[in-house]
Amino acid sequence: MTDKDLKAPADIASKEYAALSDFVRSRIVRKPVVRVKIWSLTGTVLFSDEPRLIGRNFGLDDELKEASAGQTVSGISNLSAPENVFDRQLAPKLYATYVPLRLASDRLGNPPVAVAEIYQDYAGIQAQINNLFRTVGITMLVGLGVLYLLLLPITLKVANTLSEQNTRLEEEAKRSEELLRKEHQTVAELRKLNRLQGEFVAVASHELRTPLTSIIGYAKTLRQPQFANDAAARDEFLQAIERQGDRLF
């Protein structure tokens, strides 16, 4: 698309629109991508694979405002919004990504001239998230199993020590109070280990979930064809992925 194409809504009766629409449907609108919209900075749909949307102005919602300011924004789409009247039949839940558009001739840092909105079927994203958490869960279980095996000799040793002490209690009445104190201390330490184990699992799960969600979102955005030659956007997304990776490390 050129600067001219981004100044006014596409003429759905023109050959140019037909050619561009065919290209978008054949090359971009493929599972999980189900819809594409190009917005002006005033909230008017300039282009879409759904021609009934072209030329309609829906105003600027929060996501469109952020994208118009140069930020890439993603989130679950509100299918009850007027702009999504023709999108509700595409999937029960849609994931929308707003990407600022700049002309190739623009210098880096110039404000966007339009915003591209790409809809994906959230079921595919949810399936990947479920698989990821399944992998994390298995890893956690394996880790807990290893931890249990490491603690088992200590626990057995403690149990044997307590058994020997209980046997000597009858013969060593004078030492019973000291042995009882040691027993209480050992039980308290085991309870503390059990509590710390539970806290570790909860914290690790939370700390993994947040950056992994961000990494998945940025990685999926990078796979879109329009970013193949957009070095600036790719660098920005890769930096974000690297930050989240560092956080995971």
C-alpha atoms as a PDB file:
ATOM      1  CA  MET A   1       0.000   0.000   0.000  1.00  0.00           C
ATOM      2  CA  THR A   2       1.121   3.569  -0.704  1.00  0.00           C
ATOM      3  CA  ASP A   3       0.599   6.915   1.000  1.00  0.00           C
ATOM      4  CA  LYS A   4      -2.331   7.485  -1.373  1.00  0.00           C
ATOM      5  CA  ASP A   5      -3.992   4.223  -0.321  1.00  0.00           C
ATOM      6  CA  LEU A   6      -3.813   5.249   3.350  1.00  0.00           C
ATOM      7  CA  LYS A   7      -5.447   8.667   2.922  1.00  0.00           C
ATOM      8  CA  ALA A   8      -8.955   7.517   2.000  1.00  0.00           C
ATOM      9  CA  PRO A   9     -11.056   4.335   2.234  1.00  0.00           C
ATOM     10  CA  ALA A  10     -10.521   1.832  -0.548  1.00  0.00           C
ATOM     11  CA  ASP A  11     -12.960   1.802  -3.460  1.00  0.00           C
ATOM     12  CA  ILE A  12     -14.471  -1.668  -3.166  1.00  0.00           C
ATOM     13  CA  ALA A  13     -15.607  -1.498  -6.801  1.00  0.00           C
ATOM     14  CA  SER A  14     -12.102  -0.896  -8.132  1.00  0.00           C
ATOM     15  CA  LYS A  15      -9.737  -3.442  -9.623  1.00  0.00           C
ATOM     16  CA  GLU A  16      -7.067  -2.355  -7.166  1.00  0.00           C
ATOM     17  CA  TYR A  17      -9.246  -3.321  -4.206  1.00  0.00           C
ATOM     18  CA  ALA A  18     -10.147  -6.651  -5.806  1.00  0.00           C
ATOM     19  CA  ALA A  19      -6.475  -7.464  -6.397  1.00  0.00           C
ATOM     20  CA  LEU A  20      -5.416  -6.415  -2.915  1.00  0.00           C
ATOM     21  CA  SER A  21      -8.331  -8.258  -1.320  1.00  0.00           C
ATOM     22  CA  ASP A  22      -7.453 -11.443  -3.230  1.00  0.00           C
ATOM     23  CA  PHE A  23      -3.833 -11.104  -2.094  1.00  0.00           C
ATOM     24  CA  VAL A  24      -4.836 -10.633   1.557  1.00  0.00           C
ATOM     25  CA  ARG A  25      -7.256 -13.567   1.505  1.00  0.00           C
ATOM     26  CA  SER A  26      -4.727 -15.895  -0.144  1.00  0.00           C
ATOM     27  CA  ARG A  27      -1.541 -14.836   1.656  1.00  0.00           C
ATOM     28  CA  ILE A  28      -2.550 -13.351   5.026  1.00  0.00           C
ATOM     29  CA  VAL A  29      -6.015 -14.543   6.067  1.00  0.00           C
ATOM     30  CA  ARG A  30      -4.988 -18.081   6.906  1.00  0.00           C
ATOM     31  CA  LYS A  31      -5.576 -19.950  10.142  1.00  0.00           C
ATOM     32  CA  PRO A  32      -5.171 -18.706  12.776  1.00  0.00           C
ATOM     33  CA  VAL A  33      -5.525 -15.242  11.108  1.00  0.00           C
ATOM     34  CA  VAL A  34      -9.195 -14.706  10.237  1.00  0.00           C
ATOM     35  CA  ARG A  35      -9.538 -10.970   9.521  1.00  0.00           C
ATOM     36  CA  VAL A  36      -7.487  -7.885   8.594  1.00  0.00           C
ATOM     37  CA  LYS A  37      -8.394  -4.216   9.013  1.00  0.00           C
ATOM     38  CA  ILE A  38      -6.448  -1.078   8.154  1.00  0.00           C
ATOM     39  CA  TRP A  39      -7.492   1.935  10.240  1.00  0.00           C
ATOM     40  CA  SER A  40      -6.921   5.611   9.713  1.00  0.00           C
ATOM     41  CA  LEU A  41      -5.736   7.610  12.703  1.00  0.00           C
ATOM     42  CA  THR A  42      -9.261   9.013  13.042  1.00  0.00           C
ATOM     43  CA  GLY A  43     -10.952   5.617  13.440  1.00  0.00           C
ATOM     44  CA  THR A  44     -12.109   5.005   9.855  1.00  0.00           C
ATOM     45  CA  VAL A  45     -11.641   1.575   8.251  1.00  0.00           C
ATOM     46  CA  LEU A  46      -9.547   2.179   5.115  1.00  0.00           C
ATOM     47  CA  PHE A  47      -9.278  -1.465   4.057  1.00  0.00           C
ATOM     48  CA  SER A  48     -10.526  -4.873   5.167  1.00  0.00           C
ATOM     49  CA  ASP A  49     -11.132  -8.290   3.687  1.00  0.00           C
ATOM     50  CA  GLU A  50     -14.730  -7.606   4.829  1.00  0.00           C
ATOM     51  CA  PRO A  51     -15.850  -4.885   2.353  1.00  0.00           C
ATOM     52  CA  ARG A  52     -18.899  -3.876   4.420  1.00  0.00           C
ATOM     53  CA  LEU A  53     -16.564  -2.326   6.994  1.00  0.00           C
ATOM     54  CA  ILE A  54     -14.673  -0.068   4.590  1.00  0.00           C
ATOM     55  CA  GLY A  55     -15.402   3.646   4.978  1.00  0.00           C
ATOM     56  CA  ARG A  56     -17.145   3.301   8.348  1.00  0.00           C
ATOM     57  CA  ASN A  57     -15.866   5.334  11.286  1.00  0.00           C
ATOM     58  CA  PHE A  58     -16.012   3.709  14.719  1.00  0.00           C
ATOM     59  CA  GLY A  59     -13.957   6.265  16.632  1.00  0.00           C
ATOM     60  CA  LEU A  60     -10.752   5.568  18.543  1.00  0.00           C
ATOM     61  CA  ASP A  61     -10.841   2.975  21.328  1.00  0.00           C
ATOM     62  CA  ASP A  62      -7.982   2.638  23.810  1.00  0.00           C
ATOM     63  CA  GLU A  63      -6.073   0.051  21.763  1.00  0.00           C
ATOM     64  CA  LEU A  64      -6.330   2.100  18.569  1.00  0.00           C
ATOM     65  CA  LYS A  65      -5.145   5.210  20.401  1.00  0.00           C
ATOM     66  CA  GLU A  66      -2.065   3.393  21.703  1.00  0.00           C
ATOM     67  CA  ALA A  67      -1.292   1.951  18.274  1.00  0.00           C
ATOM     68  CA  SER A  68      -1.754   5.400  16.682  1.00  0.00           C
ATOM     69  CA  ALA A  69       0.897   6.641  19.117  1.00  0.00           C
ATOM     70  CA  GLY A  70       3.349   4.039  17.799  1.00  0.00           C
ATOM     71  CA  GLN A  71       2.842   1.119  20.194  1.00  0.00           C
ATOM     72  CA  THR A  72       1.976  -2.454  19.241  1.00  0.00           C
ATOM     73  CA  VAL A  73      -1.037  -3.582  21.281  1.00  0.00           C
ATOM     74  CA  SER A  74      -2.634  -7.016  21.642  1.00  0.00           C
ATOM     75  CA  GLY A  75      -5.611  -8.371  23.538  1.00  0.00           C
ATOM     76  CA  ILE A  76      -8.904 -10.245  23.464  1.00  0.00           C
ATOM     77  CA  SER A  77     -11.303  -8.527  21.075  1.00  0.00           C
ATOM     78  CA  ASN A  78     -14.660  -7.258  22.338  1.00  0.00           C
ATOM     79  CA  LEU A  79     -17.051  -8.955  19.922  1.00  0.00           C
ATOM     80  CA  SER A  80     -19.952  -6.879  21.189  1.00  0.00           C
ATOM     81  CA  ALA A  81     -18.349  -3.677  19.867  1.00  0.00           C
ATOM     82  CA  PRO A  82     -19.968  -2.190  16.709  1.00  0.00           C
ATOM     83  CA  GLU A  83     -16.746  -2.545  14.717  1.00  0.00           C
ATOM     84  CA  ASN A  84     -16.896  -6.327  15.204  1.00  0.00           C
ATOM     85  CA  VAL A  85     -20.463  -6.780  13.932  1.00  0.00           C
ATOM     86  CA  PHE A  86     -19.195  -8.875  11.003  1.00  0.00           C
ATOM     87  CA  ASP A  87     -16.505 -10.658  13.019  1.00  0.00           C
ATOM     88  CA  ARG A  88     -18.689 -12.469  15.547  1.00  0.00           C
ATOM     89  CA  GLN A  89     -19.282 -15.445  13.305  1.00  0.00           C
ATOM     90  CA  LEU A  90     -15.556 -16.007  12.694  1.00  0.00           C
ATOM     91  CA  ALA A  91     -14.802 -17.603  16.077  1.00  0.00           C
ATOM     92  CA  PRO A  92     -16.187 -17.629  19.653  1.00  0.00           C
ATOM     93  CA  LYS A  93     -13.200 -15.561  20.796  1.00  0.00           C
ATOM     94  CA  LEU A  94     -10.774 -13.446  18.770  1.00  0.00           C
ATOM     95  CA  TYR A  95      -7.302 -12.146  19.645  1.00  0.00           C
ATOM     96  CA  ALA A  96      -6.587  -8.763  18.056  1.00  0.00           C
ATOM     97  CA  THR A  97      -3.146  -7.249  17.439  1.00  0.00           C
ATOM     98  CA  TYR A  98      -2.816  -3.557  16.515  1.00  0.00           C
ATOM     99  CA  VAL A  99       0.365  -2.673  14.618  1.00  0.00           C
ATOM    100  CA  PRO A 100       1.386   0.907  13.684  1.00  0.00           C
ATOM    101  CA  LEU A 101       2.006   1.339   9.950  1.00  0.00           C
ATOM    102  CA  ARG A 102       4.756   3.562   8.583  1.00  0.00           C
ATOM    103  CA  LEU A 103       5.692   4.136   4.969  1.00  0.00           C
ATOM    104  CA  ALA A 104       8.995   2.749   3.753  1.00  0.00           C
ATOM    105  CA  SER A 105      10.151   6.289   2.984  1.00  0.00           C
ATOM    106  CA  ASP A 106       9.468   7.499   6.550  1.00  0.00           C
ATOM    107  CA  ARG A 107      12.373   7.967   8.874  1.00  0.00           C
ATOM    108  CA  LEU A 108      12.569   5.834  11.958  1.00  0.00           C
ATOM    109  CA  GLY A 109      10.711   7.552  14.767  1.00  0.00           C
ATOM    110  CA  ASN A 110       8.143   9.311  12.595  1.00  0.00           C
ATOM    111  CA  PRO A 111       4.522   8.860  13.731  1.00  0.00           C
ATOM    112  CA  PRO A 112       2.461   6.097  12.064  1.00  0.00           C
ATOM    113  CA  VAL A 113       0.259   6.929   9.078  1.00  0.00           C
ATOM    114  CA  ALA A 114      -2.260   4.161   9.823  1.00  0.00           C
ATOM    115  CA  VAL A 115      -2.834   1.100  12.012  1.00  0.00           C
ATOM    116  CA  ALA A 116      -3.192  -2.521  10.939  1.00  0.00           C
ATOM    117  CA  GLU A 117      -5.439  -4.753  13.047  1.00  0.00           C
ATOM    118  CA  ILE A 118      -5.044  -8.508  12.675  1.00  0.00           C
ATOM    119  CA  TYR A 119      -7.556 -10.917  14.197  1.00  0.00           C
ATOM    120  CA  GLN A 120      -6.614 -14.459  15.169  1.00  0.00           C
ATOM    121  CA  ASP A 121      -8.783 -17.323  16.353  1.00  0.00           C
ATOM    122  CA  TYR A 122      -8.022 -17.440  20.074  1.00  0.00           C
ATOM    123  CA  ALA A 123      -8.596 -21.205  20.193  1.00  0.00           C
ATOM    124  CA  GLY A 124      -5.209 -21.821  18.541  1.00  0.00           C
ATOM    125  CA  ILE A 125      -3.461 -19.455  20.944  1.00  0.00           C
ATOM    126  CA  GLN A 126      -5.207 -21.055  23.909  1.00  0.00           C
ATOM    127  CA  ALA A 127      -4.095 -24.499  22.721  1.00  0.00           C
ATOM    128  CA  GLN A 128      -0.469 -23.367  22.623  1.00  0.00           C
ATOM    129  CA  ILE A 129      -0.778 -21.808  26.081  1.00  0.00           C
ATOM    130  CA  ASN A 130      -2.305 -25.044  27.404  1.00  0.00           C
ATOM    131  CA  ASN A 131       0.541 -27.076  25.903  1.00  0.00           C
ATOM    132  CA  LEU A 132       3.061 -24.697  27.431  1.00  0.00           C
ATOM    133  CA  PHE A 133       1.528 -24.944  30.886  1.00  0.00           C
ATOM    134  CA  ARG A 134       1.291 -28.711  30.506  1.00  0.00           C
ATOM    135  CA  THR A 135       5.028 -28.791  29.804  1.00  0.00           C
ATOM    136  CA  VAL A 136       5.715 -26.485  32.747  1.00  0.00           C
ATOM    137  CA  GLY A 137       3.505 -28.633  34.971  1.00  0.00           C
ATOM    138  CA  ILE A 138       5.350 -31.811  33.993  1.00  0.00           C
ATOM    139  CA  THR A 139       8.657 -30.068  34.611  1.00  0.00           C
ATOM    140  CA  MET A 140       7.437 -28.981  38.034  1.00  0.00           C
ATOM    141  CA  LEU A 141       6.330 -32.504  38.884  1.00  0.00           C
ATOM    142  CA  VAL A 142       9.690 -33.925  37.820  1.00  0.00           C
ATOM    143  CA  GLY A 143      11.444 -31.269  39.916  1.00  0.00           C
ATOM    144  CA  LEU A 144       9.293 -32.095  42.919  1.00  0.00           C
ATOM    145  CA  GLY A 145      10.019 -35.788  42.401  1.00  0.00           C
ATOM    146  CA  VAL A 146      13.759 -35.110  42.369  1.00  0.00           C
ATOM    147  CA  LEU A 147      13.360 -32.951  45.473  1.00  0.00           C
ATOM    148  CA  TYR A 148      11.462 -35.751  47.177  1.00  0.00           C
ATOM    149  CA  LEU A 149      14.203 -38.252  46.318  1.00  0.00           C
ATOM    150  CA  LEU A 150      16.810 -35.868  47.685  1.00  0.00           C
ATOM    151  CA  LEU A 151      14.853 -35.387  50.908  1.00  0.00           C
ATOM    152  CA  LEU A 152      13.969 -39.064  51.310  1.00  0.00           C
ATOM    153  CA  PRO A 153      17.364 -40.148  52.758  1.00  0.00           C
ATOM    154  CA  ILE A 154      17.241 -37.229  55.192  1.00  0.00           C
ATOM    155  CA  THR A 155      13.689 -38.120  56.206  1.00  0.00           C
ATOM    156  CA  LEU A 156      14.572 -41.781  56.643  1.00  0.00           C
ATOM    157  CA  LYS A 157      17.615 -40.859  58.663  1.00  0.00           C
ATOM    158  CA  VAL A 158      15.516 -38.609  60.883  1.00  0.00           C
ATOM    159  CA  ALA A 159      12.908 -41.337  61.291  1.00  0.00           C
ATOM    160  CA  ASN A 160      15.555 -43.877  62.257  1.00  0.00           C
ATOM    161  CA  THR A 161      17.090 -41.443  64.710  1.00  0.00           C
ATOM    162  CA  LEU A 162      13.712 -40.785  66.320  1.00  0.00           C
ATOM    163  CA  SER A 163      13.049 -44.517  66.572  1.00  0.00           C
ATOM    164  CA  GLU A 164      16.364 -45.119  68.319  1.00  0.00           C
ATOM    165  CA  GLN A 165      15.769 -42.204  70.641  1.00  0.00           C
ATOM    166  CA  ASN A 166      12.300 -43.448  71.550  1.00  0.00           C
ATOM    167  CA  THR A 167      13.772 -46.862  72.395  1.00  0.00           C
ATOM    168  CA  ARG A 168      16.375 -45.329  74.678  1.00  0.00           C
ATOM    169  CA  LEU A 169      13.800 -43.108  76.394  1.00  0.00           C
ATOM    170  CA  GLU A 170      12.854 -45.947  78.761  1.00  0.00           C
ATOM    171  CA  GLU A 171      16.516 -46.494  79.726  1.00  0.00           C
ATOM    172  CA  GLU A 172      17.572 -42.862  79.704  1.00  0.00           C
ATOM    173  CA  ALA A 173      14.838 -41.029  81.565  1.00  0.00           C
ATOM    174  CA  LYS A 174      17.194 -38.177  82.374  1.00  0.00           C
ATOM    175  CA  ARG A 175      17.744 -37.441  78.671  1.00  0.00           C
ATOM    176  CA  SER A 176      14.083 -37.684  77.663  1.00  0.00           C
ATOM    177  CA  GLU A 177      13.457 -33.953  77.804  1.00  0.00           C
ATOM    178  CA  GLU A 178      16.410 -33.184  75.493  1.00  0.00           C
ATOM    179  CA  LEU A 179      15.456 -35.892  73.035  1.00  0.00           C
ATOM    180  CA  LEU A 180      11.881 -34.603  72.951  1.00  0.00           C
ATOM    181  CA  ARG A 181      13.102 -31.096  72.189  1.00  0.00           C
ATOM    182  CA  LYS A 182      15.203 -32.393  69.279  1.00  0.00           C
ATOM    183  CA  GLU A 183      12.211 -34.273  67.941  1.00  0.00           C
ATOM    184  CA  HIS A 184      10.046 -31.152  67.971  1.00  0.00           C
ATOM    185  CA  GLN A 185      12.806 -29.216  66.218  1.00  0.00           C
ATOM    186  CA  THR A 186      13.083 -31.831  63.480  1.00  0.00           C
ATOM    187  CA  VAL A 187       9.303 -31.826  62.880  1.00  0.00           C
ATOM    188  CA  ALA A 188       9.331 -28.028  62.684  1.00  0.00           C
ATOM    189  CA  GLU A 189      12.104 -28.112  60.086  1.00  0.00           C
ATOM    190  CA  LEU A 190      10.187 -30.636  57.993  1.00  0.00           C
ATOM    191  CA  ARG A 191       7.075 -28.458  58.134  1.00  0.00           C
ATOM    192  CA  LYS A 192       9.136 -25.457  57.082  1.00  0.00           C
ATOM    193  CA  LEU A 193      10.532 -27.416  54.135  1.00  0.00           C
ATOM    194  CA  ASN A 194       7.009 -28.400  53.113  1.00  0.00           C
ATOM    195  CA  ARG A 195       5.825 -24.773  53.336  1.00  0.00           C
ATOM    196  CA  LEU A 196       8.823 -23.483  51.349  1.00  0.00           C
ATOM    197  CA  GLN A 197       8.180 -26.133  48.703  1.00  0.00           C
ATOM    198  CA  GLY A 198       4.584 -24.926  48.277  1.00  0.00           C
ATOM    199  CA  GLU A 199       5.679 -21.284  48.107  1.00  0.00           C
ATOM    200  CA  PHE A 200       8.328 -22.145  45.505  1.00  0.00           C
ATOM    201  CA  VAL A 201       5.808 -23.838  43.235  1.00  0.00           C
ATOM    202  CA  ALA A 202       3.370 -20.904  43.493  1.00  0.00           C
ATOM    203  CA  VAL A 203       6.018 -18.228  42.849  1.00  0.00           C
ATOM    204  CA  ALA A 204       7.702 -20.149  40.028  1.00  0.00           C
ATOM    205  CA  SER A 205       4.358 -20.712  38.289  1.00  0.00           C
ATOM    206  CA  HIS A 206       3.521 -16.992  38.445  1.00  0.00           C
ATOM    207  CA  GLU A 207       6.968 -15.822  37.357  1.00  0.00           C
ATOM    208  CA  LEU A 208       6.957 -18.193  34.376  1.00  0.00           C
ATOM    209  CA  ARG A 209       3.439 -17.382  33.217  1.00  0.00           C
ATOM    210  CA  THR A 210       3.787 -13.606  32.789  1.00  0.00           C
ATOM    211  CA  PRO A 211       6.961 -13.422  30.616  1.00  0.00           C
ATOM    212  CA  LEU A 212       6.009 -16.543  28.638  1.00  0.00           C
ATOM    213  CA  THR A 213       2.703 -14.955  27.666  1.00  0.00           C
ATOM    214  CA  SER A 214       4.541 -11.829  26.459  1.00  0.00           C
ATOM    215  CA  ILE A 215       7.128 -13.889  24.534  1.00  0.00           C
ATOM    216  CA  ILE A 216       4.393 -15.868  22.776  1.00  0.00           C
ATOM    217  CA  GLY A 217       2.542 -12.654  21.820  1.00  0.00           C
ATOM    218  CA  TYR A 218       5.666 -10.960  20.405  1.00  0.00           C
ATOM    219  CA  ALA A 219       6.829 -14.129  18.636  1.00  0.00           C
ATOM    220  CA  LYS A 220       3.458 -14.584  16.921  1.00  0.00           C
ATOM    221  CA  THR A 221       3.457 -10.978  15.832  1.00  0.00           C
ATOM    222  CA  LEU A 222       6.972 -11.369  14.352  1.00  0.00           C
ATOM    223  CA  ARG A 223       5.746 -14.271  12.208  1.00  0.00           C
ATOM    224  CA  GLN A 224       3.361 -12.014  10.330  1.00  0.00           C
ATOM    225  CA  PRO A 225       4.473 -11.376   6.713  1.00  0.00           C
ATOM    226  CA  GLN A 226       4.331  -7.587   7.038  1.00  0.00           C
ATOM    227  CA  PHE A 227       7.261  -7.676   9.465  1.00  0.00           C
ATOM    228  CA  ALA A 228       9.572  -9.631   7.159  1.00  0.00           C
ATOM    229  CA  ASN A 229      11.307  -6.428   6.006  1.00  0.00           C
ATOM    230  CA  ASP A 230      10.496  -4.197   8.976  1.00  0.00           C
ATOM    231  CA  ALA A 231      13.861  -4.294  10.748  1.00  0.00           C
ATOM    232  CA  ALA A 232      12.875  -1.628  13.278  1.00  0.00           C
ATOM    233  CA  ALA A 233       9.771  -3.448  14.437  1.00  0.00           C
ATOM    234  CA  ARG A 234      11.550  -6.797  14.484  1.00  0.00           C
ATOM    235  CA  ASP A 235      14.374  -5.299  16.553  1.00  0.00           C
ATOM    236  CA  GLU A 236      11.852  -3.788  18.980  1.00  0.00           C
ATOM    237  CA  PHE A 237      10.017  -7.093  19.378  1.00  0.00           C
ATOM    238  CA  LEU A 238      13.246  -9.083  19.720  1.00  0.00           C
ATOM    239  CA  GLN A 239      14.446  -6.701  22.428  1.00  0.00           C
ATOM    240  CA  ALA A 240      11.160  -7.237  24.257  1.00  0.00           C
ATOM    241  CA  ILE A 241      11.509 -11.018  23.901  1.00  0.00           C
ATOM    242  CA  GLU A 242      15.102 -10.795  25.142  1.00  0.00           C
ATOM    243  CA  ARG A 243      14.004  -8.785  28.184  1.00  0.00           C
ATOM    244  CA  GLN A 244      11.364 -11.349  29.054  1.00  0.00           C
ATOM    245  CA  GLY A 245      13.883 -14.163  28.430  1.00  0.00           C
ATOM    246  CA  ASP A 246      16.327 -12.484  30.824  1.00  0.00           C
ATOM    247  CA  ARG A 247      13.534 -12.258  33.356  1.00  0.00           C
ATOM    248  CA  LEU A 248      12.866 -15.989  32.982  1.00  0.00           C
ATOM    249  CA  PHE A 249      16.622 -16.738  33.345  1.00  0.00           C
END
